[in-house]
């Protein structure tokens, strides 16, 4: 039960990221609010306040978010 709660929390975060995400890398670079939201999330996750590399954040959004969401949905459906 506890694991399902964690998976649901991850899914909720993915949905929020999808809501806030912009459609292009140029828009992402120009949108400080979205960058700040992603940076804030990163700081919470890793408890570090090093400089965030925006190209890496964008790459994760573009490359990894959809597959992570699919895996979380799959896990929640079992």
Protein backbone atom coordinates (compact mmCIF):
# COMPACT_ATOMS: atom_id res chain seq x y z
CA UNK A 1 0.00 0.00 0.00
CA UNK A 2 2.82 2.37 0.86
CA UNK A 3 4.51 1.67 -2.49
CA UNK A 4 1.29 2.44 -4.38
CA UNK A 5 1.16 5.82 -2.62
CA UNK A 6 4.72 6.57 -3.70
CA UNK A 7 3.93 5.53 -7.29
CA UNK A 8 0.83 7.74 -7.29
CA UNK A 9 2.90 10.65 -5.97
CA UNK A 10 5.37 10.15 -8.83
CA UNK A 11 2.54 10.00 -11.35
CA UNK A 12 1.03 13.19 -9.92
CA UNK A 13 4.41 14.92 -10.26
CA UNK A 14 4.73 13.76 -13.89
CA UNK A 15 1.27 15.13 -14.69
CA UNK A 16 2.22 18.45 -13.10
CA UNK A 17 5.45 18.55 -15.10
CA UNK A 18 3.50 17.86 -18.30
CA UNK A 19 1.13 20.70 -17.42
CA UNK A 20 3.95 23.18 -16.86
CA UNK A 21 6.29 22.02 -19.59
CA UNK A 22 6.68 24.14 -22.70
CA UNK A 23 6.71 22.88 -26.26
CA UNK A 24 10.22 23.75 -27.39
CA UNK A 25 13.68 24.13 -25.96
CA UNK A 26 13.73 27.81 -26.95
CA UNK A 27 10.47 28.39 -25.07
CA UNK A 28 11.89 26.49 -22.10
CA UNK A 29 14.98 28.72 -22.03
CA UNK A 30 12.77 31.81 -22.22
CA UNK A 31 10.39 30.67 -19.44
CA UNK A 32 12.00 31.39 -16.07
CA UNK A 33 8.95 30.15 -14.14
CA UNK A 34 9.19 26.69 -15.67
CA UNK A 35 12.93 26.59 -15.10
CA UNK A 36 12.48 27.61 -11.48
CA UNK A 37 9.84 24.92 -10.94
CA UNK A 38 12.17 22.24 -12.40
CA UNK A 39 15.14 23.54 -10.40
CA UNK A 40 13.09 23.57 -7.19
CA UNK A 41 12.05 19.98 -7.78
CA UNK A 42 15.62 18.94 -8.42
CA UNK A 43 16.80 20.58 -5.19
CA UNK A 44 14.19 18.75 -3.20
CA UNK A 45 15.10 15.43 -4.80
CA UNK A 46 18.86 15.59 -4.35
CA UNK A 47 19.16 18.03 -1.43
CA UNK A 48 21.75 19.95 -3.32
CA UNK A 49 21.86 23.45 -4.63
CA UNK A 50 24.42 23.15 -7.40
CA UNK A 51 23.84 24.85 -10.69
CA UNK A 52 21.23 23.10 -12.82
CA UNK A 53 22.14 22.35 -16.42
CA UNK A 54 19.06 23.40 -18.39
CA UNK A 55 19.94 21.33 -21.48
CA UNK A 56 19.98 18.21 -19.29
CA UNK A 57 16.62 19.08 -17.71
CA UNK A 58 15.13 19.60 -21.18
CA UNK A 59 16.60 16.31 -22.42
CA UNK A 60 15.02 14.46 -19.50
CA UNK A 61 11.65 16.07 -20.25
CA UNK A 62 11.85 15.14 -23.90
CA UNK A 63 13.46 11.70 -23.65
CA UNK A 64 12.52 10.12 -20.33
CA UNK A 65 9.29 11.51 -18.93
CA UNK A 66 6.86 9.64 -21.18
CA UNK A 67 8.51 6.26 -20.62
CA UNK A 68 8.64 6.84 -16.86
CA UNK A 69 4.94 7.72 -16.88
CA UNK A 70 4.14 4.55 -18.84
CA UNK A 71 6.06 2.40 -16.36
CA UNK A 72 4.35 4.04 -13.37
CA UNK A 73 0.91 3.52 -14.95
CA UNK A 74 1.81 -0.11 -15.66
CA UNK A 75 2.91 -0.66 -12.05
CA UNK A 76 -0.25 0.97 -10.70
CA UNK A 77 -2.48 -1.18 -12.89
CA UNK A 78 -1.24 -4.43 -11.35
